[in-house]
Amino acid sequence: MSSSKPFRKEEIAGKSVIDSSGKNTGKVTDVTFTLEGKITLIVEKNDGGELLIPMTRVMGVSDNVVVRDESAPRIGAPTPGMIACKSCGREAPIGTLWCPTCGKSMA
């Protein structure tokens, strides 16, 4: 399920970052963007280090920021006639513009 609600930096700064396996990664400290439109969360890890998380990994924002676990096993090659969503990994028929599962662009 996707949301078109915009978020201000102040609304997500300080939120805990939880990966899809349930692990608390740290807290959001800042947000960066490039002129090409790529947005990245800067996260202070629990050990004091810094982690950059691209928005393509963000699955949702509520009391926490939930991100896709990078160490999670990847789905194999898509079924013939299907393509895999780059955001959530679910399959959709070739030619689908928006993922029917997460609502993100299939391009």
PDB file of N, CA and C in Angstrom:
ATOM      1  N   MET A   1       0.844  -1.159   0.000  1.00  0.00           N
ATOM      2  CA  MET A   1       0.000   0.000   0.000  1.00  0.00           C
ATOM      3  C   MET A   1       0.898   1.234   0.000  1.00  0.00           C
ATOM      4  N   SER A   2       0.635   2.163  -0.872  1.00  0.00           N
ATOM      5  CA  SER A   2       1.474   3.345  -0.948  1.00  0.00           C
ATOM      6  C   SER A   2       0.736   4.540  -0.383  1.00  0.00           C
ATOM      7  N   SER A   3       1.506   5.556  -0.057  1.00  0.00           N
ATOM      8  CA  SER A   3       0.927   6.785   0.458  1.00  0.00           C
ATOM      9  C   SER A   3       1.571   7.942  -0.271  1.00  0.00           C
ATOM     10  N   SER A   4       0.761   8.925  -0.617  1.00  0.00           N
ATOM     11  CA  SER A   4       1.299  10.099  -1.277  1.00  0.00           C
ATOM     12  C   SER A   4       1.508  11.227  -0.271  1.00  0.00           C
ATOM     13  N   LYS A   5       1.350  10.937   1.022  1.00  0.00           N
ATOM     14  CA  LYS A   5       1.538  11.948   2.054  1.00  0.00           C
ATOM     15  C   LYS A   5       2.995  12.386   2.072  1.00  0.00           C
ATOM     16  N   PRO A   6       3.239  13.686   1.938  1.00  0.00           N
ATOM     17  CA  PRO A   6       4.623  14.160   2.036  1.00  0.00           C
ATOM     18  C   PRO A   6       5.071  14.212   3.498  1.00  0.00           C
ATOM     19  N   PHE A   7       6.348  14.034   3.725  1.00  0.00           N
ATOM     20  CA  PHE A   7       6.904  14.105   5.071  1.00  0.00           C
ATOM     21  C   PHE A   7       7.958  15.199   5.115  1.00  0.00           C
ATOM     22  N   ARG A   8       7.932  15.985   6.163  1.00  0.00           N
ATOM     23  CA  ARG A   8       8.984  16.975   6.403  1.00  0.00           C
ATOM     24  C   ARG A   8      10.109  16.296   7.173  1.00  0.00           C
ATOM     25  N   LYS A   9      11.303  16.826   7.017  1.00  0.00           N
ATOM     26  CA  LYS A   9      12.448  16.282   7.744  1.00  0.00           C
ATOM     27  C   LYS A   9      12.160  16.223   9.243  1.00  0.00           C
ATOM     28  N   GLU A  10      11.529  17.274   9.758  1.00  0.00           N
ATOM     29  CA  GLU A  10      11.244  17.346  11.187  1.00  0.00           C
ATOM     30  C   GLU A  10      10.318  16.224  11.651  1.00  0.00           C
ATOM     31  N   GLU A  11       9.509  15.692  10.734  1.00  0.00           N
ATOM     32  CA  GLU A  11       8.570  14.626  11.090  1.00  0.00           C
ATOM     33  C   GLU A  11       9.243  13.257  11.179  1.00  0.00           C
ATOM     34  N   ILE A  12      10.365  13.087  10.490  1.00  0.00           N
ATOM     35  CA  ILE A  12      11.018  11.775  10.528  1.00  0.00           C
ATOM     36  C   ILE A  12      12.338  11.779  11.289  1.00  0.00           C
ATOM     37  N   ALA A  13      12.937  12.955  11.494  1.00  0.00           N
ATOM     38  CA  ALA A  13      14.178  13.032  12.271  1.00  0.00           C
ATOM     39  C   ALA A  13      13.901  12.537  13.688  1.00  0.00           C
ATOM     40  N   GLY A  14      14.758  11.668  14.161  1.00  0.00           N
ATOM     41  CA  GLY A  14      14.619  11.105  15.497  1.00  0.00           C
ATOM     42  C   GLY A  14      13.825   9.816  15.547  1.00  0.00           C
ATOM     43  N   LYS A  15      13.150   9.457  14.447  1.00  0.00           N
ATOM     44  CA  LYS A  15      12.398   8.189  14.428  1.00  0.00           C
ATOM     45  C   LYS A  15      13.364   7.009  14.347  1.00  0.00           C
ATOM     46  N   SER A  16      13.014   5.935  15.027  1.00  0.00           N
ATOM     47  CA  SER A  16      13.792   4.706  14.937  1.00  0.00           C
ATOM     48  C   SER A  16      13.626   4.088  13.563  1.00  0.00           C
ATOM     49  N   VAL A  17      14.692   3.471  13.070  1.00  0.00           N
ATOM     50  CA  VAL A  17      14.666   2.774  11.789  1.00  0.00           C
ATOM     51  C   VAL A  17      14.662   1.283  12.091  1.00  0.00           C
ATOM     52  N   ILE A  18      13.621   0.605  11.630  1.00  0.00           N
ATOM     53  CA  ILE A  18      13.445  -0.827  11.850  1.00  0.00           C
ATOM     54  C   ILE A  18      13.501  -1.514  10.494  1.00  0.00           C
ATOM     55  N   ASP A  19      14.351  -2.559  10.362  1.00  0.00           N
ATOM     56  CA  ASP A  19      14.373  -3.255   9.076  1.00  0.00           C
ATOM     57  C   ASP A  19      13.291  -4.327   9.049  1.00  0.00           C
ATOM     58  N   SER A  20      13.044  -4.866   7.854  1.00  0.00           N
ATOM     59  CA  SER A  20      11.928  -5.798   7.666  1.00  0.00           C
ATOM     60  C   SER A  20      12.099  -7.099   8.442  1.00  0.00           C
ATOM     61  N   SER A  21      13.289  -7.344   9.016  1.00  0.00           N
ATOM     62  CA  SER A  21      13.461  -8.520   9.863  1.00  0.00           C
ATOM     63  C   SER A  21      13.188  -8.184  11.323  1.00  0.00           C
ATOM     64  N   GLY A  22      12.876  -6.886  11.618  1.00  0.00           N
ATOM     65  CA  GLY A  22      12.534  -6.470  12.970  1.00  0.00           C
ATOM     66  C   GLY A  22      13.696  -5.864  13.743  1.00  0.00           C
ATOM     67  N   LYS A  23      14.864  -5.765  13.139  1.00  0.00           N
ATOM     68  CA  LYS A  23      16.053  -5.244  13.807  1.00  0.00           C
ATOM     69  C   LYS A  23      16.037  -3.719  13.839  1.00  0.00           C
ATOM     70  N   ASN A  24      16.301  -3.143  15.008  1.00  0.00           N
ATOM     71  CA  ASN A  24      16.411  -1.697  15.154  1.00  0.00           C
ATOM     72  C   ASN A  24      17.796  -1.289  14.672  1.00  0.00           C
ATOM     73  N   THR A  25      17.840  -0.494  13.607  1.00  0.00           N
ATOM     74  CA  THR A  25      19.100  -0.103  12.979  1.00  0.00           C
ATOM     75  C   THR A  25      19.684   1.155  13.593  1.00  0.00           C
ATOM     76  N   GLY A  26      18.844   2.084  14.012  1.00  0.00           N
ATOM     77  CA  GLY A  26      19.300   3.352  14.574  1.00  0.00           C
ATOM     78  C   GLY A  26      18.197   4.386  14.481  1.00  0.00           C
ATOM     79  N   LYS A  27      18.596   5.670  14.411  1.00  0.00           N
ATOM     80  CA  LYS A  27      17.621   6.774  14.331  1.00  0.00           C
ATOM     81  C   LYS A  27      17.962   7.686  13.160  1.00  0.00           C
ATOM     82  N   VAL A  28      16.911   8.178  12.498  1.00  0.00           N
ATOM     83  CA  VAL A  28      17.086   9.124  11.395  1.00  0.00           C
ATOM     84  C   VAL A  28      17.626  10.433  11.954  1.00  0.00           C
ATOM     85  N   THR A  29      18.712  10.950  11.341  1.00  0.00           N
ATOM     86  CA  THR A  29      19.258  12.239  11.770  1.00  0.00           C
ATOM     87  C   THR A  29      19.079  13.325  10.712  1.00  0.00           C
ATOM     88  N   ASP A  30      19.015  12.920   9.439  1.00  0.00           N
ATOM     89  CA  ASP A  30      18.919  13.916   8.376  1.00  0.00           C
ATOM     90  C   ASP A  30      18.407  13.254   7.105  1.00  0.00           C
ATOM     91  N   VAL A  31      18.121  14.084   6.114  1.00  0.00           N
ATOM     92  CA  VAL A  31      17.671  13.630   4.810  1.00  0.00           C
ATOM     93  C   VAL A  31      18.483  14.384   3.769  1.00  0.00           C
ATOM     94  N   THR A  32      18.970  13.676   2.745  1.00  0.00           N
ATOM     95  CA  THR A  32      19.697  14.332   1.661  1.00  0.00           C
ATOM     96  C   THR A  32      18.972  14.079   0.351  1.00  0.00           C
ATOM     97  N   PHE A  33      19.255  14.910  -0.643  1.00  0.00           N
ATOM     98  CA  PHE A  33      18.707  14.684  -1.973  1.00  0.00           C
ATOM     99  C   PHE A  33      19.713  15.165  -3.007  1.00  0.00           C
ATOM    100  N   THR A  34      19.633  14.588  -4.200  1.00  0.00           N
ATOM    101  CA  THR A  34      20.466  15.025  -5.313  1.00  0.00           C
ATOM    102  C   THR A  34      19.586  15.786  -6.295  1.00  0.00           C
ATOM    103  N   LEU A  35      20.213  16.498  -7.207  1.00  0.00           N
ATOM    104  CA  LEU A  35      19.456  17.216  -8.225  1.00  0.00           C
ATOM    105  C   LEU A  35      18.750  16.264  -9.172  1.00  0.00           C
ATOM    106  N   GLU A  36      19.163  14.988  -9.186  1.00  0.00           N
ATOM    107  CA  GLU A  36      18.496  13.966  -9.998  1.00  0.00           C
ATOM    108  C   GLU A  36      17.265  13.397  -9.293  1.00  0.00           C
ATOM    109  N   GLY A  37      17.006  13.828  -8.061  1.00  0.00           N
ATOM    110  CA  GLY A  37      15.813  13.397  -7.342  1.00  0.00           C
ATOM    111  C   GLY A  37      16.006  12.196  -6.429  1.00  0.00           C
ATOM    112  N   LYS A  38      17.242  11.765  -6.210  1.00  0.00           N
ATOM    113  CA  LYS A  38      17.476  10.641  -5.299  1.00  0.00           C
ATOM    114  C   LYS A  38      17.500  11.156  -3.864  1.00  0.00           C
ATOM    115  N   ILE A  39      16.711  10.511  -3.013  1.00  0.00           N
ATOM    116  CA  ILE A  39      16.592  10.923  -1.618  1.00  0.00           C
ATOM    117  C   ILE A  39      17.196   9.829  -0.741  1.00  0.00           C
ATOM    118  N   THR A  40      17.954  10.244   0.265  1.00  0.00           N
ATOM    119  CA  THR A  40      18.623   9.306   1.157  1.00  0.00           C
ATOM    120  C   THR A  40      18.391   9.723   2.606  1.00  0.00           C
ATOM    121  N   LEU A  41      18.111   8.749   3.455  1.00  0.00           N
ATOM    122  CA  LEU A  41      18.029   9.004   4.888  1.00  0.00           C
ATOM    123  C   LEU A  41      19.415   8.813   5.488  1.00  0.00           C
ATOM    124  N   ILE A  42      19.812   9.719   6.362  1.00  0.00           N
ATOM    125  CA  ILE A  42      21.044   9.534   7.121  1.00  0.00           C
ATOM    126  C   ILE A  42      20.626   9.025   8.489  1.00  0.00           C
ATOM    127  N   VAL A  43      21.182   7.874   8.859  1.00  0.00           N
ATOM    128  CA  VAL A  43      20.787   7.201  10.093  1.00  0.00           C
ATOM    129  C   VAL A  43      22.002   7.072  11.006  1.00  0.00           C
ATOM    130  N   GLU A  44      21.834   7.488  12.265  1.00  0.00           N
ATOM    131  CA  GLU A  44      22.869   7.250  13.253  1.00  0.00           C
ATOM    132  C   GLU A  44      22.647   5.844  13.788  1.00  0.00           C
ATOM    133  N   LYS A  45      23.601   4.968  13.504  1.00  0.00           N
ATOM    134  CA  LYS A  45      23.485   3.579  13.941  1.00  0.00           C
ATOM    135  C   LYS A  45      23.619   3.489  15.460  1.00  0.00           C
ATOM    136  N   ASN A  46      23.156   2.390  16.010  1.00  0.00           N
ATOM    137  CA  ASN A  46      23.194   2.176  17.453  1.00  0.00           C
ATOM    138  C   ASN A  46      24.613   2.175  17.994  1.00  0.00           C
ATOM    139  N   ASP A  47      25.593   1.840  17.141  1.00  0.00           N
ATOM    140  CA  ASP A  47      26.995   1.826  17.577  1.00  0.00           C
ATOM    141  C   ASP A  47      27.674   3.181  17.383  1.00  0.00           C
ATOM    142  N   GLY A  48      26.901   4.204  16.975  1.00  0.00           N
ATOM    143  CA  GLY A  48      27.442   5.544  16.793  1.00  0.00           C
ATOM    144  C   GLY A  48      27.874   5.852  15.371  1.00  0.00           C
ATOM    145  N   GLY A  49      27.961   4.846  14.515  1.00  0.00           N
ATOM    146  CA  GLY A  49      28.326   5.058  13.120  1.00  0.00           C
ATOM    147  C   GLY A  49      27.173   5.662  12.338  1.00  0.00           C
ATOM    148  N   GLU A  50      27.443   5.915  11.067  1.00  0.00           N
ATOM    149  CA  GLU A  50      26.437   6.520  10.203  1.00  0.00           C
ATOM    150  C   GLU A  50      26.101   5.568   9.070  1.00  0.00           C
ATOM    151  N   LEU A  51      24.844   5.542   8.686  1.00  0.00           N
ATOM    152  CA  LEU A  51      24.353   4.678   7.624  1.00  0.00           C
ATOM    153  C   LEU A  51      23.510   5.513   6.684  1.00  0.00           C
ATOM    154  N   LEU A  52      23.709   5.326   5.375  1.00  0.00           N
ATOM    155  CA  LEU A  52      22.905   6.008   4.372  1.00  0.00           C
ATOM    156  C   LEU A  52      21.915   5.008   3.807  1.00  0.00           C
ATOM    157  N   ILE A  53      20.627   5.334   3.856  1.00  0.00           N
ATOM    158  CA  ILE A  53      19.583   4.434   3.372  1.00  0.00           C
ATOM    159  C   ILE A  53      18.819   5.125   2.253  1.00  0.00           C
ATOM    160  N   PRO A  54      18.909   4.589   1.019  1.00  0.00           N
ATOM    161  CA  PRO A  54      18.151   5.209  -0.076  1.00  0.00           C
ATOM    162  C   PRO A  54      16.651   5.011   0.136  1.00  0.00           C
ATOM    163  N   MET A  55      15.865   5.974  -0.326  1.00  0.00           N
ATOM    164  CA  MET A  55      14.412   5.903  -0.169  1.00  0.00           C
ATOM    165  C   MET A  55      13.814   4.678  -0.854  1.00  0.00           C
ATOM    166  N   THR A  56      14.521   4.112  -1.819  1.00  0.00           N
ATOM    167  CA  THR A  56      14.010   2.906  -2.475  1.00  0.00           C
ATOM    168  C   THR A  56      13.888   1.743  -1.498  1.00  0.00           C
ATOM    169  N   ARG A  57      14.573   1.818  -0.355  1.00  0.00           N
ATOM    170  CA  ARG A  57      14.471   0.764   0.663  1.00  0.00           C
ATOM    171  C   ARG A  57      13.387   1.042   1.698  1.00  0.00           C
ATOM    172  N   VAL A  58      12.862   2.264   1.736  1.00  0.00           N
ATOM    173  CA  VAL A  58      11.856   2.622   2.748  1.00  0.00           C
ATOM    174  C   VAL A  58      10.514   2.008   2.365  1.00  0.00           C
ATOM    175  N   MET A  59       9.969   1.232   3.294  1.00  0.00           N
ATOM    176  CA  MET A  59       8.698   0.548   3.061  1.00  0.00           C
ATOM    177  C   MET A  59       7.527   1.318   3.665  1.00  0.00           C
ATOM    178  N   GLY A  60       7.785   2.102   4.706  1.00  0.00           N
ATOM    179  CA  GLY A  60       6.709   2.843   5.336  1.00  0.00           C
ATOM    180  C   GLY A  60       7.217   3.720   6.458  1.00  0.00           C
ATOM    181  N   VAL A  61       6.398   4.698   6.837  1.00  0.00           N
ATOM    182  CA  VAL A  61       6.717   5.619   7.926  1.00  0.00           C
ATOM    183  C   VAL A  61       5.486   5.740   8.808  1.00  0.00           C
ATOM    184  N   SER A  62       5.668   5.496  10.098  1.00  0.00           N
ATOM    185  CA  SER A  62       4.607   5.718  11.084  1.00  0.00           C
ATOM    186  C   SER A  62       5.314   6.141  12.368  1.00  0.00           C
ATOM    187  N   ASP A  63       5.192   5.359  13.432  1.00  0.00           N
ATOM    188  CA  ASP A  63       5.951   5.656  14.650  1.00  0.00           C
ATOM    189  C   ASP A  63       7.435   5.410  14.417  1.00  0.00           C
ATOM    190  N   ASN A  64       7.742   4.540  13.457  1.00  0.00           N
ATOM    191  CA  ASN A  64       9.112   4.203  13.056  1.00  0.00           C
ATOM    192  C   ASN A  64       9.218   4.321  11.550  1.00  0.00           C
ATOM    193  N   VAL A  65      10.451   4.278  11.054  1.00  0.00           N
ATOM    194  CA  VAL A  65      10.688   4.178   9.619  1.00  0.00           C
ATOM    195  C   VAL A  65      11.041   2.719   9.362  1.00  0.00           C
ATOM    196  N   VAL A  66      10.266   2.051   8.524  1.00  0.00           N
ATOM    197  CA  VAL A  66      10.493   0.633   8.230  1.00  0.00           C
ATOM    198  C   VAL A  66      11.189   0.533   6.875  1.00  0.00           C
ATOM    199  N   VAL A  67      12.322  -0.173   6.861  1.00  0.00           N
ATOM    200  CA  VAL A  67      13.097  -0.319   5.630  1.00  0.00           C
ATOM    201  C   VAL A  67      13.275  -1.796   5.292  1.00  0.00           C
ATOM    202  N   ARG A  68      13.414  -2.063   4.008  1.00  0.00           N
ATOM    203  CA  ARG A  68      13.658  -3.422   3.536  1.00  0.00           C
ATOM    204  C   ARG A  68      15.052  -3.851   3.977  1.00  0.00           C
ATOM    205  N   ASP A  69      15.149  -5.024   4.551  1.00  0.00           N
ATOM    206  CA  ASP A  69      16.410  -5.589   5.025  1.00  0.00           C
ATOM    207  C   ASP A  69      17.260  -5.963   3.816  1.00  0.00           C
ATOM    208  N   GLU A  70      18.421  -5.357   3.680  1.00  0.00           N
ATOM    209  CA  GLU A  70      19.312  -5.638   2.551  1.00  0.00           C
ATOM    210  C   GLU A  70      19.860  -7.055   2.584  1.00  0.00           C
ATOM    211  N   SER A  71      19.926  -7.666   3.772  1.00  0.00           N
ATOM    212  CA  SER A  71      20.469  -9.024   3.855  1.00  0.00           C
ATOM    213  C   SER A  71      19.418 -10.090   3.578  1.00  0.00           C
ATOM    214  N   ALA A  72      18.155  -9.672   3.404  1.00  0.00           N
ATOM    215  CA  ALA A  72      17.087 -10.633   3.109  1.00  0.00           C
ATOM    216  C   ALA A  72      17.353 -11.285   1.761  1.00  0.00           C
ATOM    217  N   PRO A  73      17.077 -12.558   1.634  1.00  0.00           N
ATOM    218  CA  PRO A  73      17.307 -13.225   0.356  1.00  0.00           C
ATOM    219  C   PRO A  73      16.495 -12.582  -0.754  1.00  0.00           C
ATOM    220  N   ARG A  74      17.110 -12.441  -1.895  1.00  0.00           N
ATOM    221  CA  ARG A  74      16.441 -11.855  -3.051  1.00  0.00           C
ATOM    222  C   ARG A  74      15.604 -12.907  -3.751  1.00  0.00           C
ATOM    223  N   ILE A  75      14.517 -12.445  -4.345  1.00  0.00           N
ATOM    224  CA  ILE A  75      13.660 -13.329  -5.118  1.00  0.00           C
ATOM    225  C   ILE A  75      14.394 -13.667  -6.402  1.00  0.00           C
ATOM    226  N   GLY A  76      14.282 -14.901  -6.871  1.00  0.00           N
ATOM    227  CA  GLY A  76      14.944 -15.340  -8.102  1.00  0.00           C
ATOM    228  C   GLY A  76      14.393 -14.635  -9.320  1.00  0.00           C
ATOM    229  N   ALA A  77      14.770 -15.132 -10.480  1.00  0.00           N
ATOM    230  CA  ALA A  77      14.325 -14.536 -11.737  1.00  0.00           C
ATOM    231  C   ALA A  77      12.803 -14.570 -11.808  1.00  0.00           C
ATOM    232  N   PRO A  78      12.212 -13.508 -12.372  1.00  0.00           N
ATOM    233  CA  PRO A  78      10.749 -13.481 -12.464  1.00  0.00           C
ATOM    234  C   PRO A  78      10.222 -14.597 -13.366  1.00  0.00           C
ATOM    235  N   THR A  79       8.994 -14.970 -13.139  1.00  0.00           N
ATOM    236  CA  THR A  79       8.300 -15.940 -13.974  1.00  0.00           C
ATOM    237  C   THR A  79       8.229 -15.389 -15.401  1.00  0.00           C
ATOM    238  N   PRO A  80       8.342 -16.242 -16.430  1.00  0.00           N
ATOM    239  CA  PRO A  80       8.222 -15.738 -17.805  1.00  0.00           C
ATOM    240  C   PRO A  80       6.933 -14.924 -17.984  1.00  0.00           C
ATOM    241  N   GLY A  81       7.068 -13.774 -18.661  1.00  0.00           N
ATOM    242  CA  GLY A  81       5.931 -12.892 -18.878  1.00  0.00           C
ATOM    243  C   GLY A  81       5.676 -11.929 -17.732  1.00  0.00           C
ATOM    244  N   MET A  82       6.522 -11.990 -16.714  1.00  0.00           N
ATOM    245  CA  MET A  82       6.348 -11.132 -15.544  1.00  0.00           C
ATOM    246  C   MET A  82       7.628 -10.329 -15.315  1.00  0.00           C
ATOM    247  N   ILE A  83       7.507  -9.226 -14.564  1.00  0.00           N
ATOM    248  CA  ILE A  83       8.662  -8.459 -14.125  1.00  0.00           C
ATOM    249  C   ILE A  83       8.567  -8.305 -12.613  1.00  0.00           C
ATOM    250  N   ALA A  84       9.724  -8.135 -11.972  1.00  0.00           N
ATOM    251  CA  ALA A  84       9.747  -7.962 -10.520  1.00  0.00           C
ATOM    252  C   ALA A  84       9.843  -6.488 -10.185  1.00  0.00           C
ATOM    253  N   CYS A  85       9.076  -6.053  -9.209  1.00  0.00           N
ATOM    254  CA  CYS A  85       9.126  -4.678  -8.726  1.00  0.00           C
ATOM    255  C   CYS A  85      10.481  -4.453  -8.061  1.00  0.00           C
ATOM    256  N   LYS A  86      11.142  -3.360  -8.404  1.00  0.00           N
ATOM    257  CA  LYS A  86      12.445  -3.041  -7.820  1.00  0.00           C
ATOM    258  C   LYS A  86      12.311  -2.628  -6.360  1.00  0.00           C
ATOM    259  N   SER A  87      11.132  -2.242  -5.952  1.00  0.00           N
ATOM    260  CA  SER A  87      10.930  -1.778  -4.592  1.00  0.00           C
ATOM    261  C   SER A  87      10.579  -2.912  -3.628  1.00  0.00           C
ATOM    262  N   CYS A  88       9.565  -3.718  -3.980  1.00  0.00           N
ATOM    263  CA  CYS A  88       9.107  -4.750  -3.043  1.00  0.00           C
ATOM    264  C   CYS A  88       9.400  -6.178  -3.500  1.00  0.00           C
ATOM    265  N   GLY A  89       9.801  -6.342  -4.778  1.00  0.00           N
ATOM    266  CA  GLY A  89      10.149  -7.666  -5.275  1.00  0.00           C
ATOM    267  C   GLY A  89       8.994  -8.491  -5.797  1.00  0.00           C
ATOM    268  N   ARG A  90       7.770  -8.002  -5.649  1.00  0.00           N
ATOM    269  CA  ARG A  90       6.609  -8.755  -6.127  1.00  0.00           C
ATOM    270  C   ARG A  90       6.544  -8.730  -7.647  1.00  0.00           C
ATOM    271  N   GLU A  91       5.941  -9.741  -8.229  1.00  0.00           N
ATOM    272  CA  GLU A  91       5.827  -9.841  -9.680  1.00  0.00           C
ATOM    273  C   GLU A  91       4.550  -9.195 -10.197  1.00  0.00           C
ATOM    274  N   ALA A  92       4.655  -8.698 -11.431  1.00  0.00           N
ATOM    275  CA  ALA A  92       3.505  -8.129 -12.135  1.00  0.00           C
ATOM    276  C   ALA A  92       3.718  -8.417 -13.621  1.00  0.00           C
ATOM    277  N   PRO A  93       2.653  -8.439 -14.413  1.00  0.00           N
ATOM    278  CA  PRO A  93       2.800  -8.707 -15.849  1.00  0.00           C
ATOM    279  C   PRO A  93       3.679  -7.657 -16.531  1.00  0.00           C
ATOM    280  N   ILE A  94       4.470  -8.084 -17.511  1.00  0.00           N
ATOM    281  CA  ILE A  94       5.291  -7.165 -18.293  1.00  0.00           C
ATOM    282  C   ILE A  94       4.391  -6.067 -18.849  1.00  0.00           C
ATOM    283  N   GLY A  95       4.859  -4.827 -18.791  1.00  0.00           N
ATOM    284  CA  GLY A  95       4.084  -3.681 -19.259  1.00  0.00           C
ATOM    285  C   GLY A  95       3.357  -2.956 -18.144  1.00  0.00           C
ATOM    286  N   THR A  96       3.338  -3.525 -16.931  1.00  0.00           N
ATOM    287  CA  THR A  96       2.707  -2.872 -15.794  1.00  0.00           C
ATOM    288  C   THR A  96       3.529  -1.643 -15.416  1.00  0.00           C
ATOM    289  N   LEU A  97       2.881  -0.510 -15.266  1.00  0.00           N
ATOM    290  CA  LEU A  97       3.601   0.730 -14.954  1.00  0.00           C
ATOM    291  C   LEU A  97       3.794   0.941 -13.457  1.00  0.00           C
ATOM    292  N   TRP A  98       2.816   0.506 -12.653  1.00  0.00           N
ATOM    293  CA  TRP A  98       2.853   0.714 -11.202  1.00  0.00           C
ATOM    294  C   TRP A  98       2.658  -0.634 -10.509  1.00  0.00           C
ATOM    295  N   CYS A  99       3.444  -0.910  -9.505  1.00  0.00           N
ATOM    296  CA  CYS A  99       3.348  -2.181  -8.790  1.00  0.00           C
ATOM    297  C   CYS A  99       1.974  -2.299  -8.127  1.00  0.00           C
ATOM    298  N   PRO A 100       1.258  -3.393  -8.366  1.00  0.00           N
ATOM    299  CA  PRO A 100      -0.047  -3.572  -7.745  1.00  0.00           C
ATOM    300  C   PRO A 100       0.049  -3.843  -6.236  1.00  0.00           C
ATOM    301  N   THR A 101       1.239  -4.174  -5.745  1.00  0.00           N
ATOM    302  CA  THR A 101       1.409  -4.462  -4.316  1.00  0.00           C
ATOM    303  C   THR A 101       1.792  -3.218  -3.528  1.00  0.00           C
ATOM    304  N   CYS A 102       2.870  -2.529  -3.967  1.00  0.00           N
ATOM    305  CA  CYS A 102       3.358  -1.382  -3.183  1.00  0.00           C
ATOM    306  C   CYS A 102       3.040  -0.037  -3.810  1.00  0.00           C
ATOM    307  N   GLY A 103       2.598  -0.032  -5.078  1.00  0.00           N
ATOM    308  CA  GLY A 103       2.213   1.209  -5.734  1.00  0.00           C
ATOM    309  C   GLY A 103       3.353   2.012  -6.331  1.00  0.00           C
ATOM    310  N   LYS A 104       4.584   1.511  -6.221  1.00  0.00           N
ATOM    311  CA  LYS A 104       5.735   2.245  -6.759  1.00  0.00           C
ATOM    312  C   LYS A 104       5.880   1.985  -8.246  1.00  0.00           C
ATOM    313  N   SER A 105       6.606   2.874  -8.924  1.00  0.00           N
ATOM    314  CA  SER A 105       6.826   2.759 -10.360  1.00  0.00           C
ATOM    315  C   SER A 105       7.592   1.485 -10.689  1.00  0.00           C
ATOM    316  N   MET A 106       7.180   0.808 -11.758  1.00  0.00           N
ATOM    317  CA  MET A 106       7.869  -0.414 -12.199  1.00  0.00           C
ATOM    318  C   MET A 106       8.996  -0.072 -13.174  1.00  0.00           C
ATOM    319  N   ALA A 107       9.159   1.219 -13.498  1.00  0.00           N
ATOM    320  CA  ALA A 107      10.207   1.635 -14.456  1.00  0.00           C
ATOM    321  C   ALA A 107      11.557   1.657 -13.815  1.00  0.00           C
TER     322      ALA A 107
END
